[in-house]
PDB file of N, CA and C in Angstrom:
ATOM      1  N   UNK A   1     133.540  39.637 276.706  1.00  0.00           N
ATOM      2  CA  UNK A   1     134.188  40.336 277.796  1.00  0.00           C
ATOM      3  C   UNK A   1     133.528  39.916 279.102  1.00  0.00           C
ATOM      4  N   UNK A   2     134.311  39.693 280.119  1.00  0.00           N
ATOM      5  CA  UNK A   2     133.821  39.242 281.414  1.00  0.00           C
ATOM      6  C   UNK A   2     133.029  37.939 281.292  1.00  0.00           C
ATOM      7  N   UNK A   3     133.521  37.017 280.471  1.00  0.00           N
ATOM      8  CA  UNK A   3     132.912  35.700 280.261  1.00  0.00           C
ATOM      9  C   UNK A   3     131.487  35.794 279.734  1.00  0.00           C
ATOM     10  N   UNK A   4     131.223  36.764 278.900  1.00  0.00           N
ATOM     11  CA  UNK A   4     129.901  36.954 278.316  1.00  0.00           C
ATOM     12  C   UNK A   4     129.979  36.541 276.846  1.00  0.00           C
ATOM     13  N   UNK A   5     129.344  35.429 276.464  1.00  0.00           N
ATOM     14  CA  UNK A   5     129.438  35.006 275.064  1.00  0.00           C
ATOM     15  C   UNK A   5     128.766  35.981 274.091  1.00  0.00           C
ATOM     16  N   UNK A   6     127.777  36.744 274.544  1.00  0.00           N
ATOM     17  CA  UNK A   6     127.130  37.716 273.662  1.00  0.00           C
ATOM     18  C   UNK A   6     128.083  38.848 273.319  1.00  0.00           C
ATOM     19  N   UNK A   7     129.012  39.169 274.213  1.00  0.00           N
ATOM     20  CA  UNK A   7     129.988  40.215 273.955  1.00  0.00           C
ATOM     21  C   UNK A   7     130.897  39.853 272.802  1.00  0.00           C
ATOM     22  N   UNK A   8     131.274  38.581 272.709  1.00  0.00           N
ATOM     23  CA  UNK A   8     132.123  38.151 271.608  1.00  0.00           C
ATOM     24  C   UNK A   8     131.360  38.200 270.293  1.00  0.00           C
ATOM     25  N   UNK A   9     130.106  37.809 270.307  1.00  0.00           N
ATOM     26  CA  UNK A   9     129.303  37.843 269.089  1.00  0.00           C
ATOM     27  C   UNK A   9     129.074  39.274 268.637  1.00  0.00           C
ATOM     28  N   UNK A  10     128.830  40.162 269.574  1.00  0.00           N
ATOM     29  CA  UNK A  10     128.622  41.566 269.217  1.00  0.00           C
ATOM     30  C   UNK A  10     129.906  42.176 268.670  1.00  0.00           C
ATOM     31  N   UNK A  11     131.036  41.793 269.231  1.00  0.00           N
ATOM     32  CA  UNK A  11     132.313  42.283 268.725  1.00  0.00           C
ATOM     33  C   UNK A  11     132.592  41.781 267.324  1.00  0.00           C
ATOM     34  N   UNK A  12     132.259  40.530 267.052  1.00  0.00           N
ATOM     35  CA  UNK A  12     132.448  39.977 265.710  1.00  0.00           C
ATOM     36  C   UNK A  12     131.512  40.651 264.720  1.00  0.00           C
ATOM     37  N   UNK A  13     130.284  40.938 265.136  1.00  0.00           N
ATOM     38  CA  UNK A  13     129.332  41.619 264.256  1.00  0.00           C
ATOM     39  C   UNK A  13     129.806  43.033 263.935  1.00  0.00           C
ATOM     40  N   UNK A  14     130.288  43.751 264.942  1.00  0.00           N
ATOM     41  CA  UNK A  14     130.777  45.112 264.718  1.00  0.00           C
ATOM     42  C   UNK A  14     132.001  45.094 263.808  1.00  0.00           C
ATOM     43  N   UNK A  15     132.851  44.093 263.964  1.00  0.00           N
ATOM     44  CA  UNK A  15     134.016  43.991 263.098  1.00  0.00           C
ATOM     45  C   UNK A  15     133.640  43.659 261.671  1.00  0.00           C
ATOM     46  N   UNK A  16     132.576  42.888 261.485  1.00  0.00           N
ATOM     47  CA  UNK A  16     132.158  42.501 260.146  1.00  0.00           C
ATOM     48  C   UNK A  16     131.431  43.635 259.431  1.00  0.00           C
ATOM     49  N   UNK A  17     130.740  44.487 260.172  1.00  0.00           N
ATOM     50  CA  UNK A  17     129.961  45.553 259.540  1.00  0.00           C
ATOM     51  C   UNK A  17     130.768  46.815 259.335  1.00  0.00           C
ATOM     52  N   UNK A  18     131.917  46.931 259.950  1.00  0.00           N
ATOM     53  CA  UNK A  18     132.741  48.122 259.792  1.00  0.00           C
ATOM     54  C   UNK A  18     133.038  48.760 261.120  1.00  0.00           C
ATOM     55  N   UNK A  19     134.207  49.346 261.219  1.00  0.00           N
ATOM     56  CA  UNK A  19     134.618  49.907 262.503  1.00  0.00           C
ATOM     57  C   UNK A  19     133.888  51.200 262.831  1.00  0.00           C
ATOM     58  N   UNK A  20     133.258  51.845 261.843  1.00  0.00           N
ATOM     59  CA  UNK A  20     132.574  53.101 262.095  1.00  0.00           C
ATOM     60  C   UNK A  20     131.125  52.937 262.494  1.00  0.00           C
ATOM     61  N   UNK A  21     130.700  51.725 262.791  1.00  0.00           N
ATOM     62  CA  UNK A  21     129.306  51.491 263.134  1.00  0.00           C
ATOM     63  C   UNK A  21     128.987  52.080 264.503  1.00  0.00           C
ATOM     64  N   UNK A  22     127.962  52.897 264.551  1.00  0.00           N
ATOM     65  CA  UNK A  22     127.532  53.489 265.811  1.00  0.00           C
ATOM     66  C   UNK A  22     126.809  52.429 266.628  1.00  0.00           C
ATOM     67  N   UNK A  23     127.199  52.260 267.862  1.00  0.00           N
ATOM     68  CA  UNK A  23     126.683  51.173 268.689  1.00  0.00           C
ATOM     69  C   UNK A  23     125.171  51.249 268.843  1.00  0.00           C
ATOM     70  N   UNK A  24     124.523  50.131 268.626  1.00  0.00           N
ATOM     71  CA  UNK A  24     123.104  49.906 268.879  1.00  0.00           C
ATOM     72  C   UNK A  24     122.160  50.727 267.999  1.00  0.00           C
ATOM     73  N   UNK A  25     122.650  51.409 266.960  1.00  0.00           N
ATOM     74  CA  UNK A  25     121.749  52.174 266.109  1.00  0.00           C
ATOM     75  C   UNK A  25     121.773  51.697 264.671  1.00  0.00           C
ATOM     76  N   UNK A  26     122.851  51.074 264.249  1.00  0.00           N
ATOM     77  CA  UNK A  26     122.967  50.629 262.875  1.00  0.00           C
ATOM     78  C   UNK A  26     123.432  51.724 261.933  1.00  0.00           C
ATOM     79  N   UNK A  27     123.689  52.928 262.450  1.00  0.00           N
ATOM     80  CA  UNK A  27     124.190  54.005 261.593  1.00  0.00           C
ATOM     81  C   UNK A  27     125.632  53.699 261.223  1.00  0.00           C
ATOM     82  N   UNK A  28     125.926  53.713 259.950  1.00  0.00           N
ATOM     83  CA  UNK A  28     127.246  53.318 259.484  1.00  0.00           C
ATOM     84  C   UNK A  28     128.148  54.499 259.181  1.00  0.00           C
ATOM     85  N   UNK A  29     129.072  54.265 258.267  1.00  0.00           N
ATOM     86  CA  UNK A  29     130.083  55.262 257.945  1.00  0.00           C
ATOM     87  C   UNK A  29     129.492  56.506 257.289  1.00  0.00           C
ATOM     88  N   UNK A  30     128.388  56.357 256.558  1.00  0.00           N
ATOM     89  CA  UNK A  30     127.786  57.519 255.903  1.00  0.00           C
ATOM     90  C   UNK A  30     127.359  58.566 256.925  1.00  0.00           C
ATOM     91  N   UNK A  31     126.869  58.125 258.067  1.00  0.00           N
ATOM     92  CA  UNK A  31     126.492  59.053 259.137  1.00  0.00           C
ATOM     93  C   UNK A  31     127.695  59.875 259.592  1.00  0.00           C
ATOM     94  N   UNK A  32     128.839  59.218 259.761  1.00  0.00           N
ATOM     95  CA  UNK A  32     130.030  59.920 260.237  1.00  0.00           C
ATOM     96  C   UNK A  32     130.573  60.874 259.187  1.00  0.00           C
ATOM     97  N   UNK A  33     130.482  60.504 257.893  1.00  0.00           N
ATOM     98  CA  UNK A  33     130.919  61.414 256.836  1.00  0.00           C
ATOM     99  C   UNK A  33     130.025  62.647 256.788  1.00  0.00           C
ATOM    100  N   UNK A  34     128.722  62.467 256.948  1.00  0.00           N
ATOM    101  CA  UNK A  34     127.800  63.600 256.961  1.00  0.00           C
ATOM    102  C   UNK A  34     128.064  64.488 258.175  1.00  0.00           C
ATOM    103  N   UNK A  35     128.327  63.880 259.311  1.00  0.00           N
ATOM    104  CA  UNK A  35     128.625  64.658 260.512  1.00  0.00           C
ATOM    105  C   UNK A  35     129.924  65.435 260.356  1.00  0.00           C
ATOM    106  N   UNK A  36     130.928  64.813 259.755  1.00  0.00           N
ATOM    107  CA  UNK A  36     132.210  65.492 259.522  1.00  0.00           C
ATOM    108  C   UNK A  36     132.038  66.637 258.529  1.00  0.00           C
ATOM    109  N   UNK A  37     131.227  66.437 257.487  1.00  0.00           N
ATOM    110  CA  UNK A  37     130.992  67.503 256.511  1.00  0.00           C
ATOM    111  C   UNK A  37     130.292  68.693 257.165  1.00  0.00           C
ATOM    112  N   UNK A  38     129.331  68.422 258.015  1.00  0.00           N
ATOM    113  CA  UNK A  38     128.642  69.502 258.723  1.00  0.00           C
ATOM    114  C   UNK A  38     129.599  70.255 259.639  1.00  0.00           C
ATOM    115  N   UNK A  39     130.463  69.521 260.336  1.00  0.00           N
ATOM    116  CA  UNK A  39     131.423  70.154 261.242  1.00  0.00           C
ATOM    117  C   UNK A  39     132.417  71.019 260.472  1.00  0.00           C
ATOM    118  N   UNK A  40     132.875  70.542 259.318  1.00  0.00           N
ATOM    119  CA  UNK A  40     133.823  71.325 258.522  1.00  0.00           C
ATOM    120  C   UNK A  40     133.158  72.579 257.956  1.00  0.00           C
ATOM    121  N   UNK A  41     131.904  72.465 257.542  1.00  0.00           N
ATOM    122  CA  UNK A  41     131.169  73.634 257.055  1.00  0.00           C
ATOM    123  C   UNK A  41     130.993  74.661 258.173  1.00  0.00           C
ATOM    124  N   UNK A  42     130.621  74.206 259.350  1.00  0.00           N
ATOM    125  CA  UNK A  42     130.447  75.114 260.490  1.00  0.00           C
ATOM    126  C   UNK A  42     131.768  75.781 260.863  1.00  0.00           C
ATOM    127  N   UNK A  43     132.855  75.020 260.817  1.00  0.00           N
ATOM    128  CA  UNK A  43     134.167  75.589 261.124  1.00  0.00           C
ATOM    129  C   UNK A  43     134.541  76.649 260.097  1.00  0.00           C
ATOM    130  N   UNK A  44     134.322  76.367 258.828  1.00  0.00           N
ATOM    131  CA  UNK A  44     134.650  77.337 257.785  1.00  0.00           C
ATOM    132  C   UNK A  44     133.850  78.618 257.919  1.00  0.00           C
ATOM    133  N   UNK A  45     132.564  78.493 258.210  1.00  0.00           N
ATOM    134  CA  UNK A  45     131.740  79.690 258.379  1.00  0.00           C
ATOM    135  C   UNK A  45     132.148  80.486 259.615  1.00  0.00           C
ATOM    136  N   UNK A  46     132.552  79.801 260.676  1.00  0.00           N
ATOM    137  CA  UNK A  46     132.989  80.503 261.884  1.00  0.00           C
ATOM    138  C   UNK A  46     134.293  81.252 261.629  1.00  0.00           C
ATOM    139  N   UNK A  47     135.219  80.619 260.932  1.00  0.00           N
ATOM    140  CA  UNK A  47     136.488  81.288 260.619  1.00  0.00           C
ATOM    141  C   UNK A  47     136.247  82.476 259.704  1.00  0.00           C
ATOM    142  N   UNK A  48     135.322  82.326 258.761  1.00  0.00           N
ATOM    143  CA  UNK A  48     135.009  83.427 257.854  1.00  0.00           C
ATOM    144  C   UNK A  48     134.456  84.635 258.607  1.00  0.00           C
ATOM    145  N   UNK A  49     133.695  84.382 259.658  1.00  0.00           N
ATOM    146  CA  UNK A  49     133.156  85.494 260.461  1.00  0.00           C
ATOM    147  C   UNK A  49     134.219  86.139 261.331  1.00  0.00           C
ATOM    148  N   UNK A  50     135.212  85.364 261.773  1.00  0.00           N
ATOM    149  CA  UNK A  50     136.223  85.883 262.690  1.00  0.00           C
ATOM    150  C   UNK A  50     137.293  86.683 261.955  1.00  0.00           C
ATOM    151  N   UNK A  51     137.729  86.197 260.794  1.00  0.00           N
ATOM    152  CA  UNK A  51     138.818  86.841 260.062  1.00  0.00           C
ATOM    153  C   UNK A  51     138.324  88.160 259.496  1.00  0.00           C
ATOM    154  N   UNK A  52     139.084  89.229 259.709  1.00  0.00           N
ATOM    155  CA  UNK A  52     138.634  90.539 259.194  1.00  0.00           C
ATOM    156  C   UNK A  52     138.648  90.560 257.668  1.00  0.00           C
ATOM    157  N   UNK A  53     137.695  91.299 257.116  1.00  0.00           N
ATOM    158  CA  UNK A  53     137.578  91.418 255.667  1.00  0.00           C
ATOM    159  C   UNK A  53     138.439  92.596 255.211  1.00  0.00           C
ATOM    160  N   UNK A  54     139.239  92.355 254.176  1.00  0.00           N
ATOM    161  CA  UNK A  54     140.087  93.411 253.650  1.00  0.00           C
ATOM    162  C   UNK A  54     139.225  94.377 252.829  1.00  0.00           C
ATOM    163  N   UNK A  55     139.325  95.663 253.137  1.00  0.00           N
ATOM    164  CA  UNK A  55     138.514  96.653 252.437  1.00  0.00           C
ATOM    165  C   UNK A  55     138.996  96.804 250.999  1.00  0.00           C
ATOM    166  N   UNK A  56     138.041  96.895 250.061  1.00  0.00           N
ATOM    167  CA  UNK A  56     138.405  97.063 248.655  1.00  0.00           C
ATOM    168  C   UNK A  56     138.464  98.542 248.303  1.00  0.00           C
ATOM    169  N   UNK A  57     139.465  98.884 247.480  1.00  0.00           N
ATOM    170  CA  UNK A  57     139.631 100.267 247.066  1.00  0.00           C
ATOM    171  C   UNK A  57     138.736 100.564 245.866  1.00  0.00           C
ATOM    172  N   UNK A  58     138.144 101.746 245.861  1.00  0.00           N
ATOM    173  CA  UNK A  58     137.365 102.195 244.709  1.00  0.00           C
ATOM    174  C   UNK A  58     138.276 102.992 243.812  1.00  0.00           C
ATOM    175  N   UNK A  59     138.620 102.448 242.624  1.00  0.00           N
ATOM    176  CA  UNK A  59     139.542 103.169 241.766  1.00  0.00           C
ATOM    177  C   UNK A  59     138.898 103.709 240.513  1.00  0.00           C
TER     178      UNK A  59
END
Protein backbone atom coordinates (compact mmCIF):
# COMPACT_ATOMS: atom_id res chain seq x y z
CA UNK A 1 0.00 0.00 0.00
CA UNK A 2 1.31 3.45 -0.91
CA UNK A 3 4.20 1.84 -2.86
CA UNK A 4 5.48 0.05 0.23
CA UNK A 5 6.80 -3.43 -0.63
CA UNK A 6 6.66 -4.50 3.04
CA UNK A 7 2.90 -3.86 3.01
CA UNK A 8 2.42 -6.43 0.28
CA UNK A 9 4.52 -9.00 2.13
CA UNK A 10 2.63 -8.40 5.35
CA UNK A 11 -0.67 -8.76 3.51
CA UNK A 12 0.46 -12.05 1.97
CA UNK A 13 1.61 -13.31 5.37
CA UNK A 14 -1.71 -12.39 7.00
CA UNK A 15 -3.57 -14.11 4.18
CA UNK A 16 -1.47 -17.25 4.55
CA UNK A 17 -1.85 -17.48 8.33
CA UNK A 18 -5.59 -16.88 8.41
CA UNK A 19 -7.93 -13.94 8.27
CA UNK A 20 -8.50 -13.96 12.04
CA UNK A 21 -4.89 -13.16 12.89
CA UNK A 22 -4.61 -10.27 15.31
CA UNK A 23 -2.20 -7.72 13.87
CA UNK A 24 1.34 -7.72 15.25
CA UNK A 25 0.64 -10.19 18.09
CA UNK A 26 0.43 -13.58 16.42
CA UNK A 27 -2.80 -14.41 18.27
CA UNK A 28 -4.85 -16.57 15.94
CA UNK A 29 -8.40 -17.82 15.67
CA UNK A 30 -8.31 -19.58 19.06
CA UNK A 31 -8.04 -16.19 20.76
CA UNK A 32 -11.18 -14.95 18.99
CA UNK A 33 -13.13 -18.13 19.83
CA UNK A 34 -12.18 -17.75 23.50
CA UNK A 35 -13.17 -14.09 23.44
CA UNK A 36 -16.51 -14.93 21.80
CA UNK A 37 -17.17 -17.68 24.38
CA UNK A 38 -16.50 -15.25 27.21
CA UNK A 39 -18.79 -12.64 25.65
CA UNK A 40 -21.61 -15.17 25.20
CA UNK A 41 -21.24 -16.35 28.80
CA UNK A 42 -21.35 -12.76 30.07
CA UNK A 43 -24.41 -12.04 27.93
CA UNK A 44 -26.21 -15.13 29.23
CA UNK A 45 -25.49 -14.26 32.84
CA UNK A 46 -26.64 -10.67 32.32
CA UNK A 47 -29.91 -11.80 30.72
CA UNK A 48 -30.43 -14.28 33.55
CA UNK A 49 -30.14 -11.44 36.07
CA UNK A 50 -32.51 -9.16 34.15
CA UNK A 51 -35.32 -11.62 33.40
CA UNK A 52 -37.67 -12.01 36.37
CA UNK A 53 -37.76 -15.41 38.04
CA UNK A 54 -41.13 -17.13 38.07
CA UNK A 55 -42.16 -17.93 41.64
CA UNK A 56 -42.69 -21.63 42.37
CA UNK A 57 -45.84 -22.79 44.10
CA UNK A 58 -45.59 -24.90 47.25
CA UNK A 59 -48.13 -27.68 46.82
